[in-house]
Amino acid sequence: MDVQLIFKIAAVGIIVTILNQVLVRSGREEQATMTTLAGLVVVLMIVAQKIAQLFDLVQSLFRF
């Protein structure tokens, strides 16, 4: 597994956490929730791309 992938996911998590705390403390809970959901979507897109690459690799391995 690529270490950069872990760092990317961790960076998104840290940024979303900081934004979430700032927004909650300023009384904007709805925006904090939307920020959290946006961060989740970004991480899921990154992971989905890696899973697609894995499926392509497995498919290429089993071609005859």
C-alpha atoms as a PDB file:
ATOM      1  CA  MET A   1       0.000   0.000   0.000  1.00  0.00           C
ATOM      2  CA  ASP A   2       1.170   3.464  -0.783  1.00  0.00           C
ATOM      3  CA  VAL A   3       2.088   5.577   2.244  1.00  0.00           C
ATOM      4  CA  GLN A   4       1.020   8.720   0.403  1.00  0.00           C
ATOM      5  CA  LEU A   5      -2.546   7.419   0.344  1.00  0.00           C
ATOM      6  CA  ILE A   6      -2.567   7.167   4.127  1.00  0.00           C
ATOM      7  CA  PHE A   7      -1.121  10.668   4.438  1.00  0.00           C
ATOM      8  CA  LYS A   8      -3.757  12.075   2.063  1.00  0.00           C
ATOM      9  CA  ILE A   9      -6.599  10.512   4.032  1.00  0.00           C
ATOM     10  CA  ALA A  10      -5.085  11.688   7.315  1.00  0.00           C
ATOM     11  CA  ALA A  11      -4.661  15.227   5.969  1.00  0.00           C
ATOM     12  CA  VAL A  12      -8.278  15.375   4.844  1.00  0.00           C
ATOM     13  CA  GLY A  13      -9.347  14.083   8.254  1.00  0.00           C
ATOM     14  CA  ILE A  14      -7.299  16.679  10.124  1.00  0.00           C
ATOM     15  CA  ILE A  15      -8.544  19.555   7.959  1.00  0.00           C
ATOM     16  CA  VAL A  16     -12.169  18.438   8.278  1.00  0.00           C
ATOM     17  CA  THR A  17     -11.816  18.062  12.039  1.00  0.00           C
ATOM     18  CA  ILE A  18     -10.387  21.553  12.441  1.00  0.00           C
ATOM     19  CA  LEU A  19     -13.074  23.082  10.219  1.00  0.00           C
ATOM     20  CA  ASN A  20     -15.760  21.147  12.057  1.00  0.00           C
ATOM     21  CA  GLN A  21     -14.614  22.404  15.462  1.00  0.00           C
ATOM     22  CA  VAL A  22     -14.375  26.010  14.269  1.00  0.00           C
ATOM     23  CA  LEU A  23     -17.842  25.897  12.748  1.00  0.00           C
ATOM     24  CA  VAL A  24     -19.445  24.221  15.769  1.00  0.00           C
ATOM     25  CA  ARG A  25     -17.929  26.756  18.155  1.00  0.00           C
ATOM     26  CA  SER A  26     -19.204  29.616  16.015  1.00  0.00           C
ATOM     27  CA  GLY A  27     -22.728  28.193  16.113  1.00  0.00           C
ATOM     28  CA  ARG A  28     -22.916  26.879  12.551  1.00  0.00           C
ATOM     29  CA  GLU A  29     -23.736  23.246  13.138  1.00  0.00           C
ATOM     30  CA  GLU A  30     -25.344  22.764   9.721  1.00  0.00           C
ATOM     31  CA  GLN A  31     -22.214  23.924   7.903  1.00  0.00           C
ATOM     32  CA  ALA A  32     -20.098  21.733  10.190  1.00  0.00           C
ATOM     33  CA  THR A  33     -22.184  18.717   9.226  1.00  0.00           C
ATOM     34  CA  MET A  34     -21.909  19.555   5.541  1.00  0.00           C
ATOM     35  CA  THR A  35     -18.131  19.956   5.895  1.00  0.00           C
ATOM     36  CA  THR A  36     -17.906  16.537   7.518  1.00  0.00           C
ATOM     37  CA  LEU A  37     -19.980  14.978   4.746  1.00  0.00           C
ATOM     38  CA  ALA A  38     -17.855  16.672   2.082  1.00  0.00           C
ATOM     39  CA  GLY A  39     -14.704  15.296   3.695  1.00  0.00           C
ATOM     40  CA  LEU A  40     -16.241  11.832   3.777  1.00  0.00           C
ATOM     41  CA  VAL A  41     -17.118  12.063   0.083  1.00  0.00           C
ATOM     42  CA  VAL A  42     -13.562  13.152  -0.779  1.00  0.00           C
ATOM     43  CA  VAL A  43     -12.053  10.212   1.108  1.00  0.00           C
ATOM     44  CA  LEU A  44     -14.534   7.780  -0.433  1.00  0.00           C
ATOM     45  CA  MET A  45     -13.656   9.050  -3.916  1.00  0.00           C
ATOM     46  CA  ILE A  46      -9.944   8.518  -3.223  1.00  0.00           C
ATOM     47  CA  VAL A  47     -10.583   4.999  -1.931  1.00  0.00           C
ATOM     48  CA  ALA A  48     -12.928   4.199  -4.841  1.00  0.00           C
ATOM     49  CA  GLN A  49     -10.204   5.151  -7.325  1.00  0.00           C
ATOM     50  CA  LYS A  50      -7.742   2.838  -5.603  1.00  0.00           C
ATOM     51  CA  ILE A  51     -10.287  -0.005  -5.563  1.00  0.00           C
ATOM     52  CA  ALA A  52     -10.904   0.500  -9.285  1.00  0.00           C
ATOM     53  CA  GLN A  53      -7.167   0.267  -9.888  1.00  0.00           C
ATOM     54  CA  LEU A  54      -7.074  -2.934  -7.842  1.00  0.00           C
ATOM     55  CA  PHE A  55      -9.889  -4.472  -9.892  1.00  0.00           C
ATOM     56  CA  ASP A  56      -8.099  -3.536 -13.118  1.00  0.00           C
ATOM     57  CA  LEU A  57      -4.935  -5.176 -11.819  1.00  0.00           C
ATOM     58  CA  VAL A  58      -6.758  -8.364 -10.830  1.00  0.00           C
ATOM     59  CA  GLN A  59      -8.540  -8.460 -14.182  1.00  0.00           C
ATOM     60  CA  SER A  60      -5.258  -8.080 -16.054  1.00  0.00           C
ATOM     61  CA  LEU A  61      -3.676 -10.850 -13.993  1.00  0.00           C
ATOM     62  CA  PHE A  62      -6.354 -13.394 -14.862  1.00  0.00           C
ATOM     63  CA  ARG A  63      -6.443 -12.696 -18.605  1.00  0.00           C
ATOM     64  CA  PHE A  64      -5.141 -15.536 -20.696  1.00  0.00           C
END
